[in-house]
PDB file of all heavy atoms in Angstrom:
ATOM      1  N   PHE A   1     -73.283  -3.194   3.329  1.00  0.00           N
ATOM      2  CA  PHE A   1     -72.530  -1.875   3.209  1.00  0.00           C
ATOM      3  C   PHE A   1     -72.869  -1.294   1.988  1.00  0.00           C
ATOM      4  O   PHE A   1     -72.967  -1.783   0.944  1.00  0.00           O
ATOM      5  CB  PHE A   1     -71.018  -2.182   3.416  1.00  0.00           C
ATOM      6  CG  PHE A   1     -70.521  -2.230   4.745  1.00  0.00           C
ATOM      7  CD1 PHE A   1     -70.511  -3.492   5.348  1.00  0.00           C
ATOM      8  CD2 PHE A   1     -70.020  -1.214   5.538  1.00  0.00           C
ATOM      9  CE1 PHE A   1     -69.970  -3.649   6.739  1.00  0.00           C
ATOM     10  CE2 PHE A   1     -69.611  -1.292   6.798  1.00  0.00           C
ATOM     11  CZ  PHE A   1     -69.449  -2.598   7.425  1.00  0.00           C
ATOM     12  N   TYR A   2     -73.131   0.089   2.084  1.00  0.00           N
ATOM     13  CA  TYR A   2     -73.284   0.921   0.876  1.00  0.00           C
ATOM     14  C   TYR A   2     -72.265   2.004   0.860  1.00  0.00           C
ATOM     15  O   TYR A   2     -72.079   2.843   1.972  1.00  0.00           O
ATOM     16  CB  TYR A   2     -74.693   1.444   0.954  1.00  0.00           C
ATOM     17  CG  TYR A   2     -74.879   2.518  -0.195  1.00  0.00           C
ATOM     18  CD1 TYR A   2     -74.784   2.201  -1.636  1.00  0.00           C
ATOM     19  CD2 TYR A   2     -75.015   3.939   0.122  1.00  0.00           C
ATOM     20  CE1 TYR A   2     -74.822   3.226  -2.584  1.00  0.00           C
ATOM     21  CE2 TYR A   2     -75.041   4.750  -0.762  1.00  0.00           C
ATOM     22  CZ  TYR A   2     -74.902   4.493  -2.172  1.00  0.00           C
ATOM     23  OH  TYR A   2     -75.048   5.557  -3.193  1.00  0.00           O
ATOM     24  N   ASP A   3     -71.397   2.119  -0.066  1.00  0.00           N
ATOM     25  CA  ASP A   3     -70.388   3.272  -0.216  1.00  0.00           C
ATOM     26  C   ASP A   3     -70.959   4.346  -0.948  1.00  0.00           C
ATOM     27  O   ASP A   3     -71.053   4.235  -2.190  1.00  0.00           O
ATOM     28  CB  ASP A   3     -69.155   2.472  -0.753  1.00  0.00           C
ATOM     29  CG  ASP A   3     -67.888   3.481  -0.616  1.00  0.00           C
ATOM     30  OD1 ASP A   3     -68.251   4.781  -0.457  1.00  0.00           O
ATOM     31  OD2 ASP A   3     -66.816   3.119  -0.731  1.00  0.00           O
ATOM     32  N   PRO A   4     -71.269   5.494  -0.332  1.00  0.00           N
ATOM     33  CA  PRO A   4     -71.756   6.562  -1.153  1.00  0.00           C
ATOM     34  C   PRO A   4     -70.801   7.205  -2.106  1.00  0.00           C
ATOM     35  O   PRO A   4     -71.244   7.884  -3.068  1.00  0.00           O
ATOM     36  CB  PRO A   4     -72.264   7.556  -0.020  1.00  0.00           C
ATOM     37  CG  PRO A   4     -71.507   7.191   1.199  1.00  0.00           C
ATOM     38  CD  PRO A   4     -71.192   5.679   1.019  1.00  0.00           C
ATOM     39  N   ASP A   5     -69.507   7.122  -1.846  1.00  0.00           N
ATOM     40  CA  ASP A   5     -68.515   7.568  -2.770  1.00  0.00           C
ATOM     41  C   ASP A   5     -68.453   6.765  -4.078  1.00  0.00           C
ATOM     42  O   ASP A   5     -68.285   7.407  -5.175  1.00  0.00           O
ATOM     43  CB  ASP A   5     -67.185   7.589  -2.058  1.00  0.00           C
ATOM     44  CG  ASP A   5     -67.147   8.463  -0.959  1.00  0.00           C
ATOM     45  OD1 ASP A   5     -67.759   9.480  -0.847  1.00  0.00           O
ATOM     46  OD2 ASP A   5     -66.453   8.059   0.099  1.00  0.00           O
ATOM     47  N   THR A   6     -68.535   5.544  -4.043  1.00  0.00           N
ATOM     48  CA  THR A   6     -68.498   4.650  -5.250  1.00  0.00           C
ATOM     49  C   THR A   6     -69.823   4.182  -5.708  1.00  0.00           C
ATOM     50  O   THR A   6     -70.000   3.593  -6.782  1.00  0.00           O
ATOM     51  CB  THR A   6     -67.596   3.529  -4.991  1.00  0.00           C
ATOM     52  OG1 THR A   6     -68.048   2.621  -3.905  1.00  0.00           O
ATOM     53  CG2 THR A   6     -66.217   4.011  -4.480  1.00  0.00           C
ATOM     54  N   ASP A   7     -70.862   4.348  -4.895  1.00  0.00           N
ATOM     55  CA  ASP A   7     -72.150   3.784  -5.194  1.00  0.00           C
ATOM     56  C   ASP A   7     -72.259   2.262  -5.224  1.00  0.00           C
ATOM     57  O   ASP A   7     -73.104   1.580  -5.809  1.00  0.00           O
ATOM     58  CB  ASP A   7     -72.782   4.383  -6.530  1.00  0.00           C
ATOM     59  CG  ASP A   7     -74.297   4.264  -6.599  1.00  0.00           C
ATOM     60  OD1 ASP A   7     -74.938   4.385  -5.525  1.00  0.00           O
ATOM     61  OD2 ASP A   7     -74.792   4.052  -7.678  1.00  0.00           O
ATOM     62  N   GLU A   8     -71.245   1.660  -4.489  1.00  0.00           N
ATOM     63  CA  GLU A   8     -71.224   0.106  -4.556  1.00  0.00           C
ATOM     64  C   GLU A   8     -71.926  -0.351  -3.326  1.00  0.00           C
ATOM     65  O   GLU A   8     -71.936   0.255  -2.240  1.00  0.00           O
ATOM     66  CB  GLU A   8     -69.677  -0.334  -4.464  1.00  0.00           C
ATOM     67  CG  GLU A   8     -69.032   0.019  -5.808  1.00  0.00           C
ATOM     68  CD  GLU A   8     -67.600  -0.502  -5.737  1.00  0.00           C
ATOM     69  OE1 GLU A   8     -67.223  -0.873  -4.585  1.00  0.00           O
ATOM     70  OE2 GLU A   8     -66.885  -0.524  -6.664  1.00  0.00           O
ATOM     71  N   ILE A   9     -72.553  -1.585  -3.495  1.00  0.00           N
ATOM     72  CA  ILE A   9     -73.160  -2.231  -2.361  1.00  0.00           C
ATOM     73  C   ILE A   9     -72.437  -3.607  -2.140  1.00  0.00           C
ATOM     74  O   ILE A   9     -71.949  -4.381  -3.084  1.00  0.00           O
ATOM     75  CB  ILE A   9     -74.672  -2.578  -2.788  1.00  0.00           C
ATOM     76  CG1 ILE A   9     -75.400  -1.193  -2.794  1.00  0.00           C
ATOM     77  CG2 ILE A   9     -75.335  -3.585  -1.915  1.00  0.00           C
ATOM     78  CD1 ILE A   9     -76.824  -1.496  -3.426  1.00  0.00           C
ATOM     79  N   GLY A  10     -72.300  -3.946  -0.888  1.00  0.00           N
ATOM     80  CA  GLY A  10     -71.611  -5.157  -0.596  1.00  0.00           C
ATOM     81  C   GLY A  10     -72.501  -5.966   0.461  1.00  0.00           C
ATOM     82  O   GLY A  10     -72.725  -5.285   1.586  1.00  0.00           O
ATOM     83  N   LEU A  11     -72.664  -7.198   0.253  1.00  0.00           N
ATOM     84  CA  LEU A  11     -73.515  -8.038   1.167  1.00  0.00           C
ATOM     85  C   LEU A  11     -72.529  -8.532   2.220  1.00  0.00           C
ATOM     86  O   LEU A  11     -71.614  -9.186   1.979  1.00  0.00           O
ATOM     87  CB  LEU A  11     -74.205  -9.185   0.474  1.00  0.00           C
ATOM     88  CG  LEU A  11     -75.241  -9.926   1.198  1.00  0.00           C
ATOM     89  CD1 LEU A  11     -76.241 -10.743   0.311  1.00  0.00           C
ATOM     90  CD2 LEU A  11     -74.736 -10.999   2.222  1.00  0.00           C
ATOM     91  N   LEU A  12     -72.972  -8.184   3.564  1.00  0.00           N
ATOM     92  CA  LEU A  12     -72.079  -8.719   4.669  1.00  0.00           C
ATOM     93  C   LEU A  12     -72.449 -10.040   5.130  1.00  0.00           C
ATOM     94  O   LEU A  12     -71.563 -10.969   5.114  1.00  0.00           O
ATOM     95  CB  LEU A  12     -72.218  -7.667   5.788  1.00  0.00           C
ATOM     96  CG  LEU A  12     -71.407  -7.972   7.030  1.00  0.00           C
ATOM     97  CD1 LEU A  12     -69.911  -7.937   6.826  1.00  0.00           C
ATOM     98  CD2 LEU A  12     -71.709  -6.914   8.130  1.00  0.00           C
ATOM     99  N   GLU A  13     -73.734 -10.141   5.492  1.00  0.00           N
ATOM    100  CA  GLU A  13     -74.179 -11.613   5.914  1.00  0.00           C
ATOM    101  C   GLU A  13     -75.698 -11.749   5.985  1.00  0.00           C
ATOM    102  O   GLU A  13     -76.335 -10.687   5.912  1.00  0.00           O
ATOM    103  CB  GLU A  13     -73.674 -11.940   7.330  1.00  0.00           C
ATOM    104  CG  GLU A  13     -74.205 -11.042   8.540  1.00  0.00           C
ATOM    105  CD  GLU A  13     -73.584 -11.543   9.837  1.00  0.00           C
ATOM    106  OE1 GLU A  13     -72.650 -12.339   9.828  1.00  0.00           O
ATOM    107  OE2 GLU A  13     -74.302 -11.267  10.865  1.00  0.00           O
ATOM    108  N   ILE A  14     -76.097 -13.000   5.821  1.00  0.00           N
ATOM    109  CA  ILE A  14     -77.534 -13.243   5.823  1.00  0.00           C
ATOM    110  C   ILE A  14     -77.920 -13.896   7.204  1.00  0.00           C
ATOM    111  O   ILE A  14     -77.231 -14.898   7.657  1.00  0.00           O
ATOM    112  CB  ILE A  14     -77.839 -14.110   4.676  1.00  0.00           C
ATOM    113  CG1 ILE A  14     -77.444 -13.499   3.390  1.00  0.00           C
ATOM    114  CG2 ILE A  14     -79.371 -14.478   4.678  1.00  0.00           C
ATOM    115  CD1 ILE A  14     -77.662 -14.535   2.192  1.00  0.00           C
ATOM    116  N   ASN A  15     -78.914 -13.418   7.820  1.00  0.00           N
ATOM    117  CA  ASN A  15     -79.551 -14.018   9.129  1.00  0.00           C
ATOM    118  C   ASN A  15     -80.900 -14.804   8.663  1.00  0.00           C
ATOM    119  O   ASN A  15     -81.781 -14.041   8.161  1.00  0.00           O
ATOM    120  CB  ASN A  15     -79.685 -13.030  10.176  1.00  0.00           C
ATOM    121  CG  ASN A  15     -78.399 -12.393  10.494  1.00  0.00           C
ATOM    122  OD1 ASN A  15     -77.486 -12.941  10.984  1.00  0.00           O
ATOM    123  ND2 ASN A  15     -78.267 -11.031  10.385  1.00  0.00           N
ATOM    124  N   SER A  16     -81.025 -15.962   9.033  1.00  0.00           N
ATOM    125  CA  SER A  16     -82.198 -16.669   8.666  1.00  0.00           C
ATOM    126  C   SER A  16     -83.414 -16.411   9.708  1.00  0.00           C
ATOM    127  O   SER A  16     -83.973 -17.397  10.025  1.00  0.00           O
ATOM    128  CB  SER A  16     -81.924 -18.158   8.562  1.00  0.00           C
ATOM    129  OG  SER A  16     -81.500 -18.758   9.760  1.00  0.00           O
ATOM    130  N   ARG A  17     -83.425 -15.251  10.144  1.00  0.00           N
ATOM    131  CA  ARG A  17     -84.522 -14.798  11.132  1.00  0.00           C
ATOM    132  C   ARG A  17     -84.530 -13.349  11.026  1.00  0.00           C
ATOM    133  O   ARG A  17     -83.574 -12.644  10.523  1.00  0.00           O
ATOM    134  CB  ARG A  17     -84.109 -15.297  12.506  1.00  0.00           C
ATOM    135  CG  ARG A  17     -82.740 -14.809  12.852  1.00  0.00           C
ATOM    136  CD  ARG A  17     -82.332 -15.018  14.278  1.00  0.00           C
ATOM    137  NE  ARG A  17     -80.974 -14.485  14.310  1.00  0.00           N
ATOM    138  CZ  ARG A  17     -80.466 -13.272  14.428  1.00  0.00           C
ATOM    139  NH1 ARG A  17     -81.294 -12.246  14.377  1.00  0.00           N
ATOM    140  NH2 ARG A  17     -79.235 -12.963  14.473  1.00  0.00           N
ATOM    141  N   HIS A  18     -85.698 -12.751  11.465  1.00  0.00           N
ATOM    142  CA  HIS A  18     -85.790 -11.294  11.584  1.00  0.00           C
ATOM    143  C   HIS A  18     -85.019 -10.901  12.829  1.00  0.00           C
ATOM    144  O   HIS A  18     -84.656 -11.639  13.668  1.00  0.00           O
ATOM    145  CB  HIS A  18     -87.207 -10.836  11.575  1.00  0.00           C
ATOM    146  CG  HIS A  18     -88.005 -11.254  12.826  1.00  0.00           C
ATOM    147  ND1 HIS A  18     -88.379 -12.406  12.976  1.00  0.00           N
ATOM    148  CD2 HIS A  18     -88.341 -10.428  13.872  1.00  0.00           C
ATOM    149  CE1 HIS A  18     -89.018 -12.496  14.336  1.00  0.00           C
ATOM    150  NE2 HIS A  18     -88.991 -11.284  14.757  1.00  0.00           N
ATOM    151  N   SER A  19     -84.795  -9.562  12.984  1.00  0.00           N
ATOM    152  CA  SER A  19     -83.980  -9.259  14.234  1.00  0.00           C
ATOM    153  C   SER A  19     -85.057  -8.728  15.264  1.00  0.00           C
ATOM    154  O   SER A  19     -85.810  -7.825  15.109  1.00  0.00           O
ATOM    155  CB  SER A  19     -83.189  -7.925  13.832  1.00  0.00           C
ATOM    156  OG  SER A  19     -82.519  -7.418  15.006  1.00  0.00           O
ATOM    157  N   GLN A  20     -84.934  -9.346  16.412  1.00  0.00           N
ATOM    158  CA  GLN A  20     -85.765  -9.045  17.564  1.00  0.00           C
ATOM    159  C   GLN A  20     -85.366  -7.651  17.990  1.00  0.00           C
ATOM    160  O   GLN A  20     -86.256  -7.000  18.643  1.00  0.00           O
ATOM    161  CB  GLN A  20     -85.722 -10.044  18.759  1.00  0.00           C
ATOM    162  CG  GLN A  20     -84.300 -10.339  19.173  1.00  0.00           C
ATOM    163  CD  GLN A  20     -83.924  -9.355  20.415  1.00  0.00           C
ATOM    164  OE1 GLN A  20     -84.763  -8.895  21.062  1.00  0.00           O
ATOM    165  NE2 GLN A  20     -82.667  -9.145  20.488  1.00  0.00           N
ATOM    166  N   SER A  21     -84.182  -7.179  17.786  1.00  0.00           N
ATOM    167  CA  SER A  21     -83.816  -5.803  18.181  1.00  0.00           C
ATOM    168  C   SER A  21     -84.548  -4.800  17.520  1.00  0.00           C
ATOM    169  O   SER A  21     -84.796  -3.699  17.881  1.00  0.00           O
ATOM    170  CB  SER A  21     -82.324  -5.596  17.931  1.00  0.00           C
ATOM    171  OG  SER A  21     -81.617  -6.512  18.736  1.00  0.00           O
ATOM    172  N   HIS A  22     -85.077  -5.111  16.264  1.00  0.00           N
ATOM    173  CA  HIS A  22     -85.847  -4.146  15.545  1.00  0.00           C
ATOM    174  C   HIS A  22     -87.335  -4.097  15.763  1.00  0.00           C
ATOM    175  O   HIS A  22     -88.036  -3.241  15.177  1.00  0.00           O
ATOM    176  CB  HIS A  22     -85.646  -4.455  14.048  1.00  0.00           C
ATOM    177  CG  HIS A  22     -84.175  -4.382  13.480  1.00  0.00           C
ATOM    178  ND1 HIS A  22     -83.723  -4.983  12.384  1.00  0.00           N
ATOM    179  CD2 HIS A  22     -83.122  -3.805  14.073  1.00  0.00           C
ATOM    180  CE1 HIS A  22     -82.375  -4.781  12.306  1.00  0.00           C
ATOM    181  NE2 HIS A  22     -82.063  -4.218  13.298  1.00  0.00           N
ATOM    182  N   ALA A  23     -87.807  -5.046  16.594  1.00  0.00           N
ATOM    183  CA  ALA A  23     -89.216  -5.180  16.722  1.00  0.00           C
ATOM    184  C   ALA A  23     -89.976  -4.066  17.131  1.00  0.00           C
ATOM    185  O   ALA A  23     -90.884  -3.553  16.672  1.00  0.00           O
ATOM    186  CB  ALA A  23     -89.495  -6.360  17.641  1.00  0.00           C
ATOM    187  N   VAL A  24     -89.471  -3.399  18.237  1.00  0.00           N
ATOM    188  CA  VAL A  24     -90.125  -2.147  18.730  1.00  0.00           C
ATOM    189  C   VAL A  24     -90.011  -0.914  17.761  1.00  0.00           C
ATOM    190  O   VAL A  24     -90.941  -0.020  17.804  1.00  0.00           O
ATOM    191  CB  VAL A  24     -89.602  -1.798  20.137  1.00  0.00           C
ATOM    192  CG1 VAL A  24     -88.180  -1.335  20.029  1.00  0.00           C
ATOM    193  CG2 VAL A  24     -90.572  -0.744  20.948  1.00  0.00           C
ATOM    194  N   LEU A  25     -88.970  -0.952  16.881  1.00  0.00           N
ATOM    195  CA  LEU A  25     -88.788   0.036  15.970  1.00  0.00           C
ATOM    196  C   LEU A  25     -89.882   0.042  14.940  1.00  0.00           C
ATOM    197  O   LEU A  25     -90.385   1.101  14.523  1.00  0.00           O
ATOM    198  CB  LEU A  25     -87.418   0.019  15.257  1.00  0.00           C
ATOM    199  CG  LEU A  25     -86.125  -0.109  16.101  1.00  0.00           C
ATOM    200  CD1 LEU A  25     -84.953  -0.036  15.333  1.00  0.00           C
ATOM    201  CD2 LEU A  25     -86.130   0.984  17.195  1.00  0.00           C
ATOM    202  N   PHE A  26     -90.218  -1.179  14.408  1.00  0.00           N
ATOM    203  CA  PHE A  26     -91.261  -1.285  13.393  1.00  0.00           C
ATOM    204  C   PHE A  26     -92.605  -0.826  14.145  1.00  0.00           C
ATOM    205  O   PHE A  26     -93.571  -0.178  13.532  1.00  0.00           O
ATOM    206  CB  PHE A  26     -91.333  -2.714  12.949  1.00  0.00           C
ATOM    207  CG  PHE A  26     -90.492  -3.019  11.973  1.00  0.00           C
ATOM    208  CD1 PHE A  26     -89.221  -3.573  12.160  1.00  0.00           C
ATOM    209  CD2 PHE A  26     -90.604  -2.615  10.529  1.00  0.00           C
ATOM    210  CE1 PHE A  26     -88.195  -3.833  11.264  1.00  0.00           C
ATOM    211  CE2 PHE A  26     -89.731  -2.907   9.582  1.00  0.00           C
ATOM    212  CZ  PHE A  26     -88.577  -3.543   9.899  1.00  0.00           C
ATOM    213  N   ASP A  27     -92.790  -1.266  15.470  1.00  0.00           N
ATOM    214  CA  ASP A  27     -94.011  -0.868  16.187  1.00  0.00           C
ATOM    215  C   ASP A  27     -94.169   0.617  16.357  1.00  0.00           C
ATOM    216  O   ASP A  27     -95.166   1.220  16.168  1.00  0.00           O
ATOM    217  CB  ASP A  27     -93.974  -1.459  17.469  1.00  0.00           C
ATOM    218  CG  ASP A  27     -95.365  -1.629  18.254  1.00  0.00           C
ATOM    219  OD1 ASP A  27     -96.334  -1.532  17.513  1.00  0.00           O
ATOM    220  OD2 ASP A  27     -95.422  -1.635  19.477  1.00  0.00           O
ATOM    221  N   HIS A  28     -93.076   1.245  16.620  1.00  0.00           N
ATOM    222  CA  HIS A  28     -93.119   2.679  16.720  1.00  0.00           C
ATOM    223  C   HIS A  28     -93.469   3.464  15.472  1.00  0.00           C
ATOM    224  O   HIS A  28     -94.132   4.472  15.592  1.00  0.00           O
ATOM    225  CB  HIS A  28     -91.697   3.263  17.236  1.00  0.00           C
ATOM    226  CG  HIS A  28     -91.399   3.127  18.725  1.00  0.00           C
ATOM    227  ND1 HIS A  28     -92.476   2.852  19.695  1.00  0.00           N
ATOM    228  CD2 HIS A  28     -90.307   3.408  19.369  1.00  0.00           C
ATOM    229  CE1 HIS A  28     -91.994   2.850  20.840  1.00  0.00           C
ATOM    230  NE2 HIS A  28     -90.660   3.166  20.733  1.00  0.00           N
ATOM    231  N   VAL A  29     -92.951   3.003  14.345  1.00  0.00           N
ATOM    232  CA  VAL A  29     -93.136   3.591  13.096  1.00  0.00           C
ATOM    233  C   VAL A  29     -94.260   3.092  12.281  1.00  0.00           C
ATOM    234  O   VAL A  29     -95.114   3.958  11.755  1.00  0.00           O
ATOM    235  CB  VAL A  29     -91.940   3.576  12.245  1.00  0.00           C
ATOM    236  CG1 VAL A  29     -92.101   4.224  10.804  1.00  0.00           C
ATOM    237  CG2 VAL A  29     -90.672   4.270  12.890  1.00  0.00           C
ATOM    238  N   ASP A  30     -94.541   1.881  12.210  1.00  0.00           N
ATOM    239  CA  ASP A  30     -95.636   1.259  11.416  1.00  0.00           C
ATOM    240  C   ASP A  30     -96.874   0.750  12.223  1.00  0.00           C
ATOM    241  O   ASP A  30     -97.856   0.486  11.631  1.00  0.00           O
ATOM    242  CB  ASP A  30     -95.109   0.030  10.648  1.00  0.00           C
ATOM    243  CG  ASP A  30     -94.050   0.472   9.603  1.00  0.00           C
ATOM    244  OD1 ASP A  30     -94.195   1.531   9.068  1.00  0.00           O
ATOM    245  OD2 ASP A  30     -93.099  -0.363   9.217  1.00  0.00           O
TER     246      ASP A  30
END
């Protein structure tokens, strides 16, 4: 999470794998 009002960053969770949901997004852009 990034709070633009306070400029603070908070780590929510770590996944030990990339996201398959993002695969086509990278393909579209990169």
